[in-house]
Every structure is written in C-alpha cells, then in structure tokens.
Amino acid sequence: MNQPTELKYQQIAVTAGDLPLHCPMPSMKLWNTHPRVFIDVTSTGEAKCPYCGTVYRFSGPAKQGH
C-alpha cells in the first residue's frame, strides 16, 4: 500500500498488512499528526478517524485474530 505522509488524504485504502490500523499512520510526518487512535475497519469495511476525518476503506480478508 502507498501510505500517505501528510493528513491531506481524505480516503485511504488499507489491507490486512496495515492491521491493527491506527491514525495517524506511521509514515505521516510528526508535525502533521494528532493523538493516535486505533480504528476498526474489519467490522464494516470502512471507518472514519474522529480527529482528522480521514476515511479508511478495508479490502481483503482480515488477519487471524483481528
């Protein structure tokens, strides 16, 4: 997956390799972040960050235990 470096992305596609998912993602620049929040995208296939509004869309099967 091509991870963003700034919080300017409104929709990000994620896969099982990104789980457990949290926002901001590890590749985002420190100056452009907010407190880390874990986001469950496996239940509904889509979830929104409560801080920045970025929408994460999950594709594919979840890893065992997620």
C-alpha atoms as a PDB file:
ATOM      1  CA  MET A   1       0.000   0.000   0.000  1.00  0.00           C
ATOM      2  CA  ASN A   2       1.116   3.530  -0.685  1.00  0.00           C
ATOM      3  CA  GLN A   3       0.954   5.220   2.710  1.00  0.00           C
ATOM      4  CA  PRO A   4       0.430   8.978   2.936  1.00  0.00           C
ATOM      5  CA  THR A   5       2.938  11.280   4.615  1.00  0.00           C
ATOM      6  CA  GLU A   6       0.554  14.128   5.427  1.00  0.00           C
ATOM      7  CA  LEU A   7      -3.001  14.329   6.727  1.00  0.00           C
ATOM      8  CA  LYS A   8      -4.304  15.678   3.434  1.00  0.00           C
ATOM      9  CA  TYR A   9      -5.705  12.367   2.240  1.00  0.00           C
ATOM     10  CA  GLN A  10      -9.428  12.004   2.759  1.00  0.00           C
ATOM     11  CA  GLN A  11      -9.698   8.323   1.747  1.00  0.00           C
ATOM     12  CA  ILE A  12      -7.067   5.642   2.265  1.00  0.00           C
ATOM     13  CA  ALA A  13      -7.334   2.024   1.153  1.00  0.00           C
ATOM     14  CA  VAL A  14      -5.909  -0.427   3.706  1.00  0.00           C
ATOM     15  CA  THR A  15      -5.249  -4.171   3.692  1.00  0.00           C
ATOM     16  CA  ALA A  16      -4.638  -6.849   6.318  1.00  0.00           C
ATOM     17  CA  GLY A  17      -0.967  -5.824   6.368  1.00  0.00           C
ATOM     18  CA  ASP A  18      -1.998  -2.464   7.880  1.00  0.00           C
ATOM     19  CA  LEU A  19      -3.765  -4.057  10.849  1.00  0.00           C
ATOM     20  CA  PRO A  20      -4.053  -3.141  13.621  1.00  0.00           C
ATOM     21  CA  LEU A  21      -4.874   0.168  11.966  1.00  0.00           C
ATOM     22  CA  HIS A  22      -4.282   3.460  13.679  1.00  0.00           C
ATOM     23  CA  CYS A  23      -4.411   7.071  12.620  1.00  0.00           C
ATOM     24  CA  PRO A  24      -2.119   8.816  12.062  1.00  0.00           C
ATOM     25  CA  MET A  25      -0.293   6.133  10.109  1.00  0.00           C
ATOM     26  CA  PRO A  26       3.420   5.510  10.807  1.00  0.00           C
ATOM     27  CA  SER A  27       4.513   7.182   7.567  1.00  0.00           C
ATOM     28  CA  MET A  28       2.847  10.507   8.396  1.00  0.00           C
ATOM     29  CA  LYS A  29       5.095  13.391   9.385  1.00  0.00           C
ATOM     30  CA  LEU A  30       5.298  14.103  13.111  1.00  0.00           C
ATOM     31  CA  TRP A  31       4.411  17.793  12.778  1.00  0.00           C
ATOM     32  CA  ASN A  32       1.221  16.946  10.937  1.00  0.00           C
ATOM     33  CA  THR A  33      -0.279  14.454  13.377  1.00  0.00           C
ATOM     34  CA  HIS A  34      -2.862  14.169  16.125  1.00  0.00           C
ATOM     35  CA  PRO A  35      -3.089  11.733  19.076  1.00  0.00           C
ATOM     36  CA  ARG A  36      -3.018   8.084  17.956  1.00  0.00           C
ATOM     37  CA  VAL A  37      -6.400   6.417  17.710  1.00  0.00           C
ATOM     38  CA  PHE A  38      -6.977   2.804  16.708  1.00  0.00           C
ATOM     39  CA  ILE A  39      -9.594   2.310  14.007  1.00  0.00           C
ATOM     40  CA  ASP A  40     -11.640  -0.843  13.391  1.00  0.00           C
ATOM     41  CA  VAL A  41     -12.194  -1.252   9.674  1.00  0.00           C
ATOM     42  CA  THR A  42     -12.771  -5.014   9.651  1.00  0.00           C
ATOM     43  CA  SER A  43     -16.311  -4.899  11.084  1.00  0.00           C
ATOM     44  CA  THR A  44     -17.905  -2.697   8.461  1.00  0.00           C
ATOM     45  CA  GLY A  45     -15.181  -2.358   5.832  1.00  0.00           C
ATOM     46  CA  GLU A  46     -14.906   1.382   6.379  1.00  0.00           C
ATOM     47  CA  ALA A  47     -14.204   3.708   9.293  1.00  0.00           C
ATOM     48  CA  LYS A  48     -13.530   7.398   9.831  1.00  0.00           C
ATOM     49  CA  CYS A  49     -10.877   8.940  12.081  1.00  0.00           C
ATOM     50  CA  PRO A  50     -12.578  11.045  14.772  1.00  0.00           C
ATOM     51  CA  TYR A  51      -9.713  13.571  14.760  1.00  0.00           C
ATOM     52  CA  CYS A  52      -8.927  14.340  11.131  1.00  0.00           C
ATOM     53  CA  GLY A  53     -11.876  12.794   9.278  1.00  0.00           C
ATOM     54  CA  THR A  54      -9.747  10.536   7.087  1.00  0.00           C
ATOM     55  CA  VAL A  55     -11.818   7.618   5.810  1.00  0.00           C
ATOM     56  CA  TYR A  56     -10.137   4.207   5.797  1.00  0.00           C
ATOM     57  CA  ARG A  57     -11.510   1.521   3.477  1.00  0.00           C
ATOM     58  CA  PHE A  58     -10.567  -2.096   4.065  1.00  0.00           C
ATOM     59  CA  SER A  59     -10.175  -4.608   1.272  1.00  0.00           C
ATOM     60  CA  GLY A  60      -9.476  -8.293   1.614  1.00  0.00           C
ATOM     61  CA  PRO A  61      -9.712 -10.781   4.453  1.00  0.00           C
ATOM     62  CA  ALA A  62      -8.594  -9.782   7.945  1.00  0.00           C
ATOM     63  CA  LYS A  63      -5.643 -11.482   9.591  1.00  0.00           C
ATOM     64  CA  GLN A  64      -6.459 -14.223  12.078  1.00  0.00           C
ATOM     65  CA  GLY A  65      -7.378 -12.624  15.411  1.00  0.00           C
ATOM     66  CA  HIS A  66      -8.437  -9.237  14.010  1.00  0.00           C
END
